[in-house]
Amino acid sequence: MSSEIVEPEIERIKLSLAEENLIEQIRNYITKVEMLFQEIDVTIDDIFRHKFESAKTRVIKVYEDLRSVYGFQSTVARYAAKVSVTITNGYYYLSLVDSLMSLTDSLHKLVLDLELTCSAQPRLSETLILYIQNFVKQLREYISYIRSLLLYLIENPTKVPGLATLMEKNFNEILYMIRTIYVNQEGESKGSILGELLTTLIDLLHNFHIIGEKALWLYTTRAS
């Protein structure tokens, strides 16, 4: 009789640990991406300061770091495939991991655009540079929110709603900034390599936003 009581409890704990381990792996992936994006931010800054040789050197390092991100992404995806069938609402985790894979591909596209931008050696107005730098800064803040959200899912779910409000505010500010950037683009820059770079950054923003939303789905399913 006692085994009939204890074994289901052991199984429940095992499933909970599997879920929390998956969330932790996803958070570690986001941390790796956050570090990569920090290096990308410095690379963009080098380009705007016309330090093109330094930027090219940084791009090489970013490529190496990106390979590591791809490898870690594969590890997370395979683990998710393995444990999702044992997790309640495992579909949401698979959906989130699928979005991580799209994010990695967008990061690859951004690195390619940065390499082309280094070769083109564009000269931009100070105003446009400032807008783009602020956009990247805000995007980095959004990434940090996602990392914190994944941590709160495990350690303190009560903090998630407040963080979700900050994320929404941050995202709306970035959307406004994007519009400002496009309005203030110099005529000769539209449709150029700069235009490609901006498009890729915007795609990246939407990838991060989707990941943030799907992380909130996890909170909703766990809280219900």
N, C-alpha and C. Protein backbone atom coordinates (compact mmCIF):
# COMPACT_ATOMS: atom_id res chain seq x y z
N MET A 1 0.82 -1.20 0.00
CA MET A 1 0.00 0.00 0.00
C MET A 1 0.87 1.26 0.00
N SER A 2 1.93 1.22 0.80
CA SER A 2 2.79 2.40 0.88
C SER A 2 3.45 2.71 -0.44
N SER A 3 3.82 1.66 -1.21
CA SER A 3 4.48 1.90 -2.50
C SER A 3 3.53 2.59 -3.46
N GLU A 4 2.24 2.30 -3.34
CA GLU A 4 1.27 2.94 -4.22
C GLU A 4 1.16 4.44 -3.95
N ILE A 5 1.52 4.83 -2.73
CA ILE A 5 1.47 6.25 -2.37
C ILE A 5 2.78 6.94 -2.73
N VAL A 6 3.89 6.27 -2.46
CA VAL A 6 5.20 6.90 -2.64
C VAL A 6 5.59 7.01 -4.10
N GLU A 7 5.35 5.98 -4.90
CA GLU A 7 5.84 5.98 -6.28
C GLU A 7 5.27 7.12 -7.13
N PRO A 8 3.96 7.40 -7.07
CA PRO A 8 3.47 8.56 -7.83
C PRO A 8 4.13 9.86 -7.43
N GLU A 9 4.43 10.01 -6.12
CA GLU A 9 5.09 11.23 -5.66
C GLU A 9 6.50 11.33 -6.22
N ILE A 10 7.21 10.20 -6.25
CA ILE A 10 8.55 10.18 -6.83
C ILE A 10 8.49 10.57 -8.31
N GLU A 11 7.51 10.03 -9.01
CA GLU A 11 7.34 10.34 -10.43
C GLU A 11 7.05 11.82 -10.63
N ARG A 12 6.20 12.39 -9.75
CA ARG A 12 5.86 13.81 -9.87
C ARG A 12 7.10 14.68 -9.70
N ILE A 13 7.95 14.34 -8.73
CA ILE A 13 9.16 15.10 -8.49
C ILE A 13 10.11 14.99 -9.68
N LYS A 14 10.20 13.77 -10.25
CA LYS A 14 11.10 13.57 -11.38
C LYS A 14 10.68 14.43 -12.56
N LEU A 15 9.38 14.48 -12.84
CA LEU A 15 8.89 15.29 -13.94
C LEU A 15 9.14 16.77 -13.68
N SER A 16 8.97 17.21 -12.47
CA SER A 16 9.22 18.59 -12.12
C SER A 16 10.69 18.95 -12.32
N LEU A 17 11.57 18.06 -11.91
CA LEU A 17 13.00 18.31 -12.09
C LEU A 17 13.38 18.34 -13.57
N ALA A 18 12.74 17.48 -14.37
CA ALA A 18 13.01 17.48 -15.81
C ALA A 18 12.61 18.81 -16.43
N GLU A 19 11.46 19.32 -16.01
CA GLU A 19 10.97 20.59 -16.52
C GLU A 19 11.90 21.73 -16.11
N GLU A 20 12.26 21.76 -14.85
CA GLU A 20 13.13 22.82 -14.37
C GLU A 20 14.51 22.75 -15.02
N ASN A 21 15.00 21.55 -15.27
CA ASN A 21 16.30 21.40 -15.94
C ASN A 21 16.23 21.93 -17.36
N LEU A 22 15.11 21.70 -18.03
CA LEU A 22 14.94 22.21 -19.39
C LEU A 22 14.90 23.74 -19.39
N ILE A 23 14.16 24.31 -18.45
CA ILE A 23 14.11 25.77 -18.35
C ILE A 23 15.51 26.33 -18.09
N GLU A 24 16.26 25.66 -17.23
CA GLU A 24 17.62 26.11 -16.91
C GLU A 24 18.51 26.05 -18.15
N GLN A 25 18.37 25.00 -18.94
CA GLN A 25 19.16 24.90 -20.17
C GLN A 25 18.79 26.01 -21.15
N ILE A 26 17.52 26.32 -21.25
CA ILE A 26 17.08 27.41 -22.13
C ILE A 26 17.65 28.74 -21.63
N ARG A 27 17.64 28.92 -20.32
CA ARG A 27 18.20 30.16 -19.75
C ARG A 27 19.70 30.25 -20.02
N ASN A 28 20.40 29.12 -19.93
CA ASN A 28 21.83 29.13 -20.24
C ASN A 28 22.09 29.48 -21.70
N TYR A 29 21.20 29.02 -22.58
CA TYR A 29 21.30 29.39 -23.99
C TYR A 29 21.15 30.91 -24.14
N ILE A 30 20.14 31.48 -23.49
CA ILE A 30 19.91 32.92 -23.57
C ILE A 30 21.12 33.68 -23.02
N THR A 31 21.73 33.16 -21.97
CA THR A 31 22.92 33.80 -21.40
C THR A 31 24.06 33.81 -22.42
N LYS A 32 24.25 32.70 -23.13
CA LYS A 32 25.27 32.64 -24.17
C LYS A 32 24.99 33.65 -25.28
N VAL A 33 23.72 33.72 -25.67
CA VAL A 33 23.33 34.68 -26.70
C VAL A 33 23.53 36.11 -26.22
N GLU A 34 23.23 36.35 -24.97
CA GLU A 34 23.41 37.69 -24.39
C GLU A 34 24.88 38.11 -24.45
N MET A 35 25.77 37.20 -24.13
CA MET A 35 27.21 37.48 -24.20
C MET A 35 27.64 37.72 -25.64
N LEU A 36 27.10 36.93 -26.56
CA LEU A 36 27.41 37.10 -27.97
C LEU A 36 26.94 38.46 -28.46
N PHE A 37 25.74 38.84 -28.05
CA PHE A 37 25.18 40.12 -28.50
C PHE A 37 25.95 41.30 -27.91
N GLN A 38 26.52 41.10 -26.74
CA GLN A 38 27.36 42.14 -26.16
C GLN A 38 28.57 42.40 -27.07
N GLU A 39 29.17 41.33 -27.58
CA GLU A 39 30.30 41.47 -28.50
C GLU A 39 29.84 42.10 -29.82
N ILE A 40 28.65 41.75 -30.27
CA ILE A 40 28.09 42.35 -31.48
C ILE A 40 27.89 43.85 -31.29
N ASP A 41 27.42 44.23 -30.11
CA ASP A 41 27.22 45.64 -29.79
C ASP A 41 28.54 46.42 -29.91
N VAL A 42 29.60 45.84 -29.36
CA VAL A 42 30.91 46.50 -29.44
C VAL A 42 31.38 46.57 -30.90
N THR A 43 31.09 45.53 -31.68
CA THR A 43 31.46 45.53 -33.10
C THR A 43 30.75 46.66 -33.84
N ILE A 44 29.46 46.82 -33.58
CA ILE A 44 28.70 47.90 -34.20
C ILE A 44 29.28 49.25 -33.80
N ASP A 45 29.64 49.38 -32.54
CA ASP A 45 30.24 50.63 -32.06
C ASP A 45 31.55 50.92 -32.79
N ASP A 46 32.36 49.89 -33.01
CA ASP A 46 33.62 50.06 -33.76
C ASP A 46 33.34 50.55 -35.18
N ILE A 47 32.32 49.99 -35.81
CA ILE A 47 31.98 50.41 -37.18
C ILE A 47 31.59 51.89 -37.19
N PHE A 48 30.78 52.29 -36.23
CA PHE A 48 30.33 53.68 -36.18
C PHE A 48 31.47 54.64 -35.87
N ARG A 49 32.50 54.15 -35.17
CA ARG A 49 33.68 54.98 -34.87
C ARG A 49 34.73 54.88 -35.98
N HIS A 50 34.37 54.19 -37.07
CA HIS A 50 35.25 54.01 -38.23
C HIS A 50 36.50 53.20 -37.88
N LYS A 51 36.40 52.35 -36.86
CA LYS A 51 37.50 51.45 -36.48
C LYS A 51 37.25 50.12 -37.17
N PHE A 52 37.37 50.13 -38.49
CA PHE A 52 36.92 48.99 -39.29
C PHE A 52 37.79 47.75 -39.12
N GLU A 53 39.10 47.94 -38.96
CA GLU A 53 39.97 46.78 -38.76
C GLU A 53 39.65 46.09 -37.43
N SER A 54 39.41 46.89 -36.41
CA SER A 54 39.02 46.32 -35.11
C SER A 54 37.70 45.58 -35.23
N ALA A 55 36.76 46.16 -35.98
CA ALA A 55 35.46 45.53 -36.17
C ALA A 55 35.60 44.20 -36.89
N LYS A 56 36.47 44.14 -37.90
CA LYS A 56 36.67 42.89 -38.64
C LYS A 56 37.24 41.81 -37.72
N THR A 57 38.15 42.20 -36.85
CA THR A 57 38.73 41.25 -35.90
C THR A 57 37.65 40.73 -34.95
N ARG A 58 36.80 41.62 -34.51
CA ARG A 58 35.72 41.21 -33.60
C ARG A 58 34.73 40.28 -34.30
N VAL A 59 34.46 40.52 -35.57
CA VAL A 59 33.54 39.67 -36.32
C VAL A 59 34.05 38.24 -36.37
N ILE A 60 35.36 38.08 -36.52
CA ILE A 60 35.94 36.74 -36.52
C ILE A 60 35.68 36.03 -35.20
N LYS A 61 35.85 36.76 -34.10
CA LYS A 61 35.59 36.19 -32.78
C LYS A 61 34.11 35.86 -32.61
N VAL A 62 33.25 36.74 -33.11
CA VAL A 62 31.81 36.50 -33.00
C VAL A 62 31.43 35.23 -33.75
N TYR A 63 32.04 35.01 -34.92
CA TYR A 63 31.79 33.79 -35.68
C TYR A 63 32.11 32.56 -34.84
N GLU A 64 33.25 32.58 -34.16
CA GLU A 64 33.65 31.45 -33.31
C GLU A 64 32.66 31.25 -32.17
N ASP A 65 32.26 32.34 -31.55
CA ASP A 65 31.30 32.25 -30.45
C ASP A 65 29.94 31.75 -30.96
N LEU A 66 29.59 32.13 -32.17
CA LEU A 66 28.31 31.71 -32.75
C LEU A 66 28.29 30.20 -32.96
N ARG A 67 29.42 29.64 -33.35
CA ARG A 67 29.51 28.18 -33.50
C ARG A 67 29.20 27.48 -32.19
N SER A 68 29.68 28.06 -31.10
CA SER A 68 29.40 27.50 -29.77
C SER A 68 27.91 27.59 -29.45
N VAL A 69 27.29 28.70 -29.84
CA VAL A 69 25.85 28.88 -29.61
C VAL A 69 25.06 27.84 -30.39
N TYR A 70 25.46 27.60 -31.65
CA TYR A 70 24.79 26.57 -32.45
C TYR A 70 24.88 25.21 -31.77
N GLY A 71 26.07 24.88 -31.26
CA GLY A 71 26.26 23.60 -30.60
C GLY A 71 25.39 23.47 -29.36
N PHE A 72 25.33 24.53 -28.56
CA PHE A 72 24.53 24.50 -27.35
C PHE A 72 23.05 24.43 -27.69
N GLN A 73 22.66 25.13 -28.74
CA GLN A 73 21.27 25.09 -29.19
C GLN A 73 20.86 23.66 -29.53
N SER A 74 21.73 22.93 -30.22
CA SER A 74 21.43 21.54 -30.58
C SER A 74 21.26 20.67 -29.34
N THR A 75 22.11 20.90 -28.33
CA THR A 75 22.01 20.15 -27.08
C THR A 75 20.66 20.40 -26.41
N VAL A 76 20.26 21.66 -26.35
CA VAL A 76 18.97 22.01 -25.73
C VAL A 76 17.82 21.39 -26.50
N ALA A 77 17.88 21.47 -27.84
CA ALA A 77 16.79 20.94 -28.67
C ALA A 77 16.63 19.43 -28.48
N ARG A 78 17.75 18.72 -28.43
CA ARG A 78 17.67 17.26 -28.27
C ARG A 78 17.16 16.88 -26.88
N TYR A 79 17.56 17.65 -25.87
CA TYR A 79 17.06 17.37 -24.53
C TYR A 79 15.56 17.65 -24.46
N ALA A 80 15.13 18.73 -25.09
CA ALA A 80 13.70 19.07 -25.11
C ALA A 80 12.89 17.98 -25.80
N ALA A 81 13.42 17.46 -26.90
CA ALA A 81 12.73 16.38 -27.61
C ALA A 81 12.61 15.14 -26.73
N LYS A 82 13.62 14.91 -25.92
CA LYS A 82 13.64 13.72 -25.07
C LYS A 82 12.65 13.82 -23.92
N VAL A 83 12.56 14.98 -23.26
CA VAL A 83 11.77 15.08 -22.04
C VAL A 83 10.38 15.68 -22.25
N SER A 84 10.13 16.27 -23.42
CA SER A 84 8.86 16.99 -23.61
C SER A 84 7.65 16.06 -23.46
N VAL A 85 7.81 14.78 -23.81
CA VAL A 85 6.68 13.85 -23.71
C VAL A 85 6.33 13.55 -22.26
N THR A 86 7.25 13.82 -21.35
CA THR A 86 6.99 13.55 -19.92
C THR A 86 6.57 14.81 -19.18
N ILE A 87 6.55 15.95 -19.86
CA ILE A 87 6.23 17.22 -19.22
C ILE A 87 4.83 17.65 -19.61
N THR A 88 4.06 18.09 -18.64
CA THR A 88 2.74 18.63 -18.93
C THR A 88 2.88 19.85 -19.85
N ASN A 89 2.08 19.88 -20.91
CA ASN A 89 2.16 20.96 -21.90
C ASN A 89 3.55 21.06 -22.53
N GLY A 90 4.15 19.89 -22.78
CA GLY A 90 5.48 19.85 -23.38
C GLY A 90 5.55 20.53 -24.73
N TYR A 91 4.40 20.63 -25.41
CA TYR A 91 4.37 21.31 -26.71
C TYR A 91 4.90 22.74 -26.61
N TYR A 92 4.58 23.42 -25.51
CA TYR A 92 5.01 24.81 -25.37
C TYR A 92 6.54 24.91 -25.29
N TYR A 93 7.15 23.92 -24.68
CA TYR A 93 8.61 23.92 -24.59
C TYR A 93 9.23 23.67 -25.96
N LEU A 94 8.65 22.75 -26.71
CA LEU A 94 9.16 22.48 -28.05
C LEU A 94 9.00 23.71 -28.94
N SER A 95 7.87 24.40 -28.78
CA SER A 95 7.64 25.62 -29.56
C SER A 95 8.68 26.68 -29.22
N LEU A 96 8.99 26.81 -27.93
CA LEU A 96 10.00 27.78 -27.50
C LEU A 96 11.37 27.42 -28.05
N VAL A 97 11.73 26.16 -27.98
CA VAL A 97 13.03 25.72 -28.49
C VAL A 97 13.12 25.94 -30.00
N ASP A 98 12.03 25.73 -30.71
CA ASP A 98 12.00 26.00 -32.15
C ASP A 98 12.31 27.47 -32.42
N SER A 99 11.80 28.35 -31.57
CA SER A 99 12.07 29.78 -31.72
C SER A 99 13.53 30.11 -31.41
N LEU A 100 14.13 29.35 -30.49
CA LEU A 100 15.56 29.54 -30.22
C LEU A 100 16.38 29.25 -31.48
N MET A 101 15.99 28.21 -32.20
CA MET A 101 16.71 27.86 -33.42
C MET A 101 16.60 28.95 -34.47
N SER A 102 15.41 29.56 -34.59
CA SER A 102 15.23 30.68 -35.52
C SER A 102 16.08 31.87 -35.10
N LEU A 103 16.18 32.07 -33.78
CA LEU A 103 17.00 33.18 -33.26
C LEU A 103 18.46 32.99 -33.63
N THR A 104 18.98 31.79 -33.48
CA THR A 104 20.38 31.53 -33.82
C THR A 104 20.64 31.82 -35.29
N ASP A 105 19.71 31.42 -36.14
CA ASP A 105 19.85 31.70 -37.58
C ASP A 105 19.85 33.20 -37.85
N SER A 106 19.02 33.95 -37.13
CA SER A 106 18.98 35.41 -37.30
C SER A 106 20.29 36.04 -36.83
N LEU A 107 20.87 35.50 -35.78
CA LEU A 107 22.17 35.99 -35.31
C LEU A 107 23.25 35.76 -36.38
N HIS A 108 23.17 34.61 -37.03
CA HIS A 108 24.12 34.32 -38.12
C HIS A 108 23.98 35.36 -39.24
N LYS A 109 22.72 35.66 -39.59
CA LYS A 109 22.48 36.67 -40.64
C LYS A 109 23.03 38.03 -40.20
N LEU A 110 22.88 38.37 -38.93
CA LEU A 110 23.39 39.65 -38.44
C LEU A 110 24.91 39.71 -38.55
N VAL A 111 25.58 38.63 -38.22
CA VAL A 111 27.04 38.60 -38.30
C VAL A 111 27.49 38.79 -39.75
N LEU A 112 26.80 38.14 -40.69
CA LEU A 112 27.12 38.32 -42.11
C LEU A 112 26.94 39.77 -42.53
N ASP A 113 25.85 40.39 -42.07
CA ASP A 113 25.60 41.80 -42.40
C ASP A 113 26.68 42.70 -41.82
N LEU A 114 27.13 42.39 -40.61
CA LEU A 114 28.20 43.19 -39.99
C LEU A 114 29.48 43.09 -40.80
N GLU A 115 29.77 41.91 -41.30
CA GLU A 115 30.99 41.73 -42.10
C GLU A 115 30.91 42.56 -43.38
N LEU A 116 29.75 42.55 -44.02
CA LEU A 116 29.57 43.36 -45.23
C LEU A 116 29.64 44.85 -44.91
N THR A 117 29.09 45.24 -43.77
CA THR A 117 29.12 46.65 -43.37
C THR A 117 30.55 47.10 -43.12
N CYS A 118 31.36 46.22 -42.53
CA CYS A 118 32.78 46.55 -42.32
C CYS A 118 33.47 46.83 -43.64
N SER A 119 33.15 46.01 -44.64
CA SER A 119 33.77 46.18 -45.96
C SER A 119 33.31 47.45 -46.64
N ALA A 120 32.02 47.80 -46.44
CA ALA A 120 31.46 48.99 -47.09
C ALA A 120 31.95 50.28 -46.44
N GLN A 121 32.33 50.21 -45.15
CA GLN A 121 32.81 51.37 -44.41
C GLN A 121 31.89 52.60 -44.57
N PRO A 122 30.64 52.46 -44.12
CA PRO A 122 29.66 53.55 -44.30
C PRO A 122 29.97 54.74 -43.41
N ARG A 123 29.56 55.90 -43.85
CA ARG A 123 29.66 57.13 -43.06
C ARG A 123 28.23 57.59 -42.77
N LEU A 124 27.86 57.58 -41.50
CA LEU A 124 26.49 57.90 -41.10
C LEU A 124 26.46 59.18 -40.29
N SER A 125 25.29 59.79 -40.27
CA SER A 125 25.14 61.00 -39.45
C SER A 125 25.19 60.63 -37.97
N GLU A 126 25.60 61.58 -37.15
CA GLU A 126 25.68 61.34 -35.71
C GLU A 126 24.30 61.01 -35.12
N THR A 127 23.27 61.65 -35.66
CA THR A 127 21.92 61.41 -35.16
C THR A 127 21.49 59.97 -35.41
N LEU A 128 21.73 59.49 -36.62
CA LEU A 128 21.34 58.12 -36.97
C LEU A 128 22.13 57.11 -36.15
N ILE A 129 23.41 57.38 -35.96
CA ILE A 129 24.24 56.49 -35.15
C ILE A 129 23.69 56.39 -33.74
N LEU A 130 23.31 57.54 -33.17
CA LEU A 130 22.79 57.56 -31.81
C LEU A 130 21.50 56.75 -31.70
N TYR A 131 20.62 56.89 -32.69
CA TYR A 131 19.36 56.14 -32.69
C TYR A 131 19.62 54.64 -32.73
N ILE A 132 20.53 54.21 -33.60
CA ILE A 132 20.81 52.78 -33.73
C ILE A 132 21.46 52.24 -32.45
N GLN A 133 22.37 53.01 -31.88
CA GLN A 133 23.01 52.58 -30.63
C GLN A 133 21.98 52.43 -29.51
N ASN A 134 21.03 53.34 -29.43
CA ASN A 134 19.98 53.25 -28.42
C ASN A 134 19.09 52.03 -28.67
N PHE A 135 18.83 51.76 -29.94
CA PHE A 135 18.04 50.58 -30.29
C PHE A 135 18.73 49.31 -29.79
N VAL A 136 20.02 49.20 -30.05
CA VAL A 136 20.78 48.01 -29.63
C VAL A 136 20.83 47.93 -28.10
N LYS A 137 20.99 49.07 -27.45
CA LYS A 137 21.00 49.09 -25.98
C LYS A 137 19.68 48.58 -25.41
N GLN A 138 18.57 49.05 -25.98
CA GLN A 138 17.26 48.62 -25.52
C GLN A 138 17.03 47.14 -25.79
N LEU A 139 17.54 46.66 -26.92
CA LEU A 139 17.40 45.25 -27.25
C LEU A 139 18.18 44.38 -26.26
N ARG A 140 19.36 44.84 -25.88
CA ARG A 140 20.13 44.12 -24.87
C ARG A 140 19.38 44.06 -23.54
N GLU A 141 18.68 45.14 -23.22
CA GLU A 141 17.89 45.14 -21.99
C GLU A 141 16.76 44.12 -22.07
N TYR A 142 16.15 44.01 -23.23
CA TYR A 142 15.06 43.04 -23.41
C TYR A 142 15.60 41.62 -23.24
N ILE A 143 16.78 41.36 -23.77
CA ILE A 143 17.40 40.03 -23.63
C ILE A 143 17.61 39.71 -22.15
N SER A 144 18.07 40.69 -21.38
CA SER A 144 18.30 40.47 -19.95
C SER A 144 16.99 40.17 -19.23
N TYR A 145 15.89 40.78 -19.70
CA TYR A 145 14.58 40.50 -19.11
C TYR A 145 14.18 39.03 -19.35
N ILE A 146 14.45 38.54 -20.55
CA ILE A 146 14.12 37.15 -20.85
C ILE A 146 14.91 36.21 -19.94
N ARG A 147 16.19 36.50 -19.76
CA ARG A 147 17.02 35.68 -18.88
C ARG A 147 16.46 35.68 -17.46
N SER A 148 16.08 36.85 -16.96
CA SER A 148 15.52 36.95 -15.62
C SER A 148 14.18 36.21 -15.52
N LEU A 149 13.37 36.32 -16.56
CA LEU A 149 12.07 35.65 -16.57
C LEU A 149 12.23 34.14 -16.42
N LEU A 150 13.18 33.58 -17.15
CA LEU A 150 13.42 32.14 -17.08
C LEU A 150 13.91 31.72 -15.69
N LEU A 151 14.67 32.60 -15.06
CA LEU A 151 15.12 32.32 -13.69
C LEU A 151 13.93 32.37 -12.71
N TYR A 152 13.08 33.37 -12.87
CA TYR A 152 11.92 33.52 -11.98
C TYR A 152 10.95 32.35 -12.12
N LEU A 153 10.85 31.78 -13.32
CA LEU A 153 9.96 30.64 -13.51
C LEU A 153 10.29 29.51 -12.53
N ILE A 154 11.58 29.38 -12.19
CA ILE A 154 12.03 28.33 -11.29
C ILE A 154 12.05 28.81 -9.84
N GLU A 155 12.63 30.00 -9.63
CA GLU A 155 12.93 30.42 -8.27
C GLU A 155 11.87 31.31 -7.62
N ASN A 156 11.17 32.14 -8.43
CA ASN A 156 10.21 33.05 -7.83
C ASN A 156 9.16 33.49 -8.85
N PRO A 157 8.21 32.60 -9.17
CA PRO A 157 7.19 32.91 -10.19
C PRO A 157 6.36 34.14 -9.89
N THR A 158 6.26 34.53 -8.62
CA THR A 158 5.44 35.70 -8.28
C THR A 158 5.98 36.99 -8.90
N LYS A 159 7.27 36.98 -9.29
CA LYS A 159 7.88 38.17 -9.89
C LYS A 159 7.62 38.28 -11.39
N VAL A 160 7.08 37.21 -11.98
CA VAL A 160 6.92 37.19 -13.43
C VAL A 160 5.95 38.26 -13.94
N PRO A 161 4.77 38.45 -13.36
CA PRO A 161 3.85 39.47 -13.90
C PRO A 161 4.46 40.87 -13.94
N GLY A 162 5.18 41.25 -12.90
CA GLY A 162 5.81 42.57 -12.89
C GLY A 162 6.87 42.69 -13.98
N LEU A 163 7.64 41.63 -14.17
CA LEU A 163 8.66 41.63 -15.21
C LEU A 163 8.02 41.68 -16.59
N ALA A 164 6.91 41.00 -16.74
CA ALA A 164 6.20 41.01 -18.03
C ALA A 164 5.77 42.42 -18.41
N THR A 165 5.37 43.21 -17.42
CA THR A 165 4.99 44.61 -17.67
C THR A 165 6.19 45.41 -18.16
N LEU A 166 7.36 45.20 -17.53
CA LEU A 166 8.57 45.89 -17.97
C LEU A 166 8.96 45.49 -19.39
N MET A 167 8.81 44.21 -19.69
CA MET A 167 9.14 43.72 -21.03
C MET A 167 8.27 44.36 -22.09
N GLU A 168 6.97 44.46 -21.80
CA GLU A 168 6.05 45.08 -22.76
C GLU A 168 6.40 46.56 -22.97
N LYS A 169 6.71 47.25 -21.90
CA LYS A 169 7.09 48.66 -22.00
C LYS A 169 8.37 48.81 -22.82
N ASN A 170 9.35 47.97 -22.55
CA ASN A 170 10.61 48.00 -23.28
C ASN A 170 10.41 47.73 -24.77
N PHE A 171 9.59 46.74 -25.08
CA PHE A 171 9.33 46.38 -26.48
C PHE A 171 8.65 47.53 -27.21
N ASN A 172 7.68 48.15 -26.58
CA ASN A 172 6.99 49.28 -27.22
C ASN A 172 7.93 50.46 -27.47
N GLU A 173 8.86 50.69 -26.54
CA GLU A 173 9.85 51.75 -26.72
C GLU A 173 10.76 51.45 -27.91
N ILE A 174 11.11 50.18 -28.07
CA ILE A 174 11.97 49.81 -29.20
C ILE A 174 11.22 49.98 -30.51
N LEU A 175 9.94 49.61 -30.53
CA LEU A 175 9.14 49.79 -31.74
C LEU A 175 9.10 51.26 -32.15
N TYR A 176 8.93 52.15 -31.18
CA TYR A 176 8.92 53.58 -31.47
C TYR A 176 10.28 54.03 -32.00
N MET A 177 11.34 53.47 -31.42
CA MET A 177 12.68 53.83 -31.85
C MET A 177 12.95 53.38 -33.29
N ILE A 178 12.41 52.21 -33.65
CA ILE A 178 12.58 51.71 -35.02
C ILE A 178 11.95 52.69 -36.01
N ARG A 179 10.74 53.14 -35.69
CA ARG A 179 10.07 54.10 -36.57
C ARG A 179 10.90 55.38 -36.70
N THR A 180 11.48 55.83 -35.59
CA THR A 180 12.30 57.04 -35.61
C THR A 180 13.53 56.84 -36.49
N ILE A 181 14.14 55.67 -36.40
CA ILE A 181 15.32 55.38 -37.21
C ILE A 181 14.98 55.44 -38.69
N TYR A 182 13.87 54.83 -39.08
CA TYR A 182 13.50 54.80 -40.49
C TYR A 182 13.14 56.19 -41.01
N VAL A 183 12.50 56.97 -40.18
CA VAL A 183 12.15 58.34 -40.59
C VAL A 183 13.40 59.18 -40.78
N ASN A 184 14.43 58.92 -39.96
CA ASN A 184 15.64 59.75 -39.99
C ASN A 184 16.76 59.18 -40.85
N GLN A 185 16.50 58.09 -41.55
CA GLN A 185 17.53 57.55 -42.43
C GLN A 185 17.87 58.56 -43.52
N GLU A 186 19.16 58.63 -43.81
CA GLU A 186 19.59 59.47 -44.94
C GLU A 186 19.14 58.81 -46.23
N GLY A 187 18.74 59.62 -47.19
CA GLY A 187 18.21 59.09 -48.44
C GLY A 187 19.11 58.07 -49.10
N GLU A 188 20.41 58.31 -49.09
CA GLU A 188 21.32 57.41 -49.78
C GLU A 188 21.50 56.09 -49.03
N SER A 189 21.05 56.04 -47.77
CA SER A 189 21.23 54.83 -46.99
C SER A 189 20.09 53.83 -47.18
N LYS A 190 18.94 54.32 -47.64
CA LYS A 190 17.79 53.45 -47.79
C LYS A 190 18.04 52.42 -48.90
N GLY A 191 17.78 51.15 -48.57
CA GLY A 191 18.00 50.08 -49.54
C GLY A 191 19.45 49.67 -49.65
N SER A 192 20.33 50.25 -48.84
CA SER A 192 21.75 49.94 -48.90
C SER A 192 22.09 48.86 -47.89
N ILE A 193 23.40 48.65 -47.67
CA ILE A 193 23.86 47.70 -46.67
C ILE A 193 23.33 48.09 -45.30
N LEU A 194 23.26 49.39 -45.01
CA LEU A 194 22.69 49.84 -43.74
C LEU A 194 21.25 49.38 -43.62
N GLY A 195 20.50 49.49 -44.73
CA GLY A 195 19.12 49.03 -44.71
C GLY A 195 19.02 47.55 -44.40
N GLU A 196 19.93 46.75 -44.95
CA GLU A 196 19.96 45.31 -44.66
C GLU A 196 20.26 45.05 -43.19
N LEU A 197 21.20 45.82 -42.66
CA LEU A 197 21.57 45.66 -41.25
C LEU A 197 20.39 45.99 -40.34
N LEU A 198 19.69 47.07 -40.66
CA LEU A 198 18.52 47.45 -39.86
C LEU A 198 17.42 46.40 -39.94
N THR A 199 17.20 45.87 -41.14
CA THR A 199 16.17 44.84 -41.30
C THR A 199 16.50 43.61 -40.47
N THR A 200 17.76 43.22 -40.46
CA THR A 200 18.17 42.06 -39.68
C THR A 200 18.02 42.31 -38.18
N LEU A 201 18.38 43.51 -37.74
CA LEU A 201 18.21 43.86 -36.33
C LEU A 201 16.74 43.81 -35.93
N ILE A 202 15.87 44.28 -36.81
CA ILE A 202 14.43 44.26 -36.52
C ILE A 202 13.91 42.83 -36.47
N ASP A 203 14.37 41.99 -37.41
CA ASP A 203 13.99 40.58 -37.37
C ASP A 203 14.44 39.94 -36.06
N LEU A 204 15.64 40.32 -35.62
CA LEU A 204 16.18 39.79 -34.38
C LEU A 204 15.31 40.23 -33.20
N LEU A 205 14.90 41.49 -33.21
CA LEU A 205 14.01 41.99 -32.15
C LEU A 205 12.74 41.15 -32.07
N HIS A 206 12.13 40.87 -33.22
CA HIS A 206 10.89 40.11 -33.22
C HIS A 206 11.13 38.66 -32.78
N ASN A 207 12.28 38.11 -33.11
CA ASN A 207 12.62 36.78 -32.61
C ASN A 207 12.69 36.76 -31.09
N PHE A 208 13.37 37.76 -30.53
CA PHE A 208 13.47 37.84 -29.07
C PHE A 208 12.08 38.05 -28.45
N HIS A 209 11.26 38.86 -29.10
CA HIS A 209 9.91 39.12 -28.57
C HIS A 209 9.09 37.83 -28.54
N ILE A 210 9.19 37.04 -29.59
CA ILE A 210 8.47 35.76 -29.64
C ILE A 210 8.95 34.84 -28.51
N ILE A 211 10.26 34.80 -28.29
CA ILE A 211 10.81 33.97 -27.22
C ILE A 211 10.31 34.45 -25.86
N GLY A 212 10.29 35.77 -25.67
CA GLY A 212 9.78 36.32 -24.43
C GLY A 212 8.32 35.96 -24.20
N GLU A 213 7.51 36.04 -25.26
CA GLU A 213 6.10 35.70 -25.15
C GLU A 213 5.92 34.21 -24.83
N LYS A 214 6.70 33.38 -25.47
CA LYS A 214 6.57 31.93 -25.23
C LYS A 214 7.05 31.55 -23.83
N ALA A 215 8.02 32.28 -23.32
CA ALA A 215 8.44 32.06 -21.93
C ALA A 215 7.30 32.41 -20.98
N LEU A 216 6.55 33.44 -21.33
CA LEU A 216 5.38 33.81 -20.53
C LEU A 216 4.28 32.75 -20.63
N TRP A 217 4.19 32.08 -21.78
CA TRP A 217 3.25 30.96 -21.89
C TRP A 217 3.57 29.91 -20.82
N LEU A 218 4.87 29.65 -20.63
CA LEU A 218 5.27 28.65 -19.64
C LEU A 218 4.78 29.05 -18.26
N TYR A 219 4.89 30.33 -17.95
CA TYR A 219 4.41 30.82 -16.65
C TYR A 219 2.90 30.57 -16.54
N THR A 220 2.18 30.87 -17.60
CA THR A 220 0.73 30.71 -17.58
C THR A 220 0.34 29.25 -17.36
N THR A 221 1.02 28.34 -18.06
CA THR A 221 0.67 26.91 -17.90
C THR A 221 1.05 26.40 -16.52
N ARG A 222 2.15 26.90 -15.96
CA ARG A 222 2.57 26.45 -14.64
C ARG A 222 1.71 27.05 -13.54
N ALA A 223 1.18 28.25 -13.78
CA ALA A 223 0.38 28.94 -12.76
C ALA A 223 -1.06 28.45 -12.73
N SER A 224 -1.50 27.81 -13.82
CA SER A 224 -2.90 27.39 -13.91
C SER A 224 -3.15 26.09 -13.14
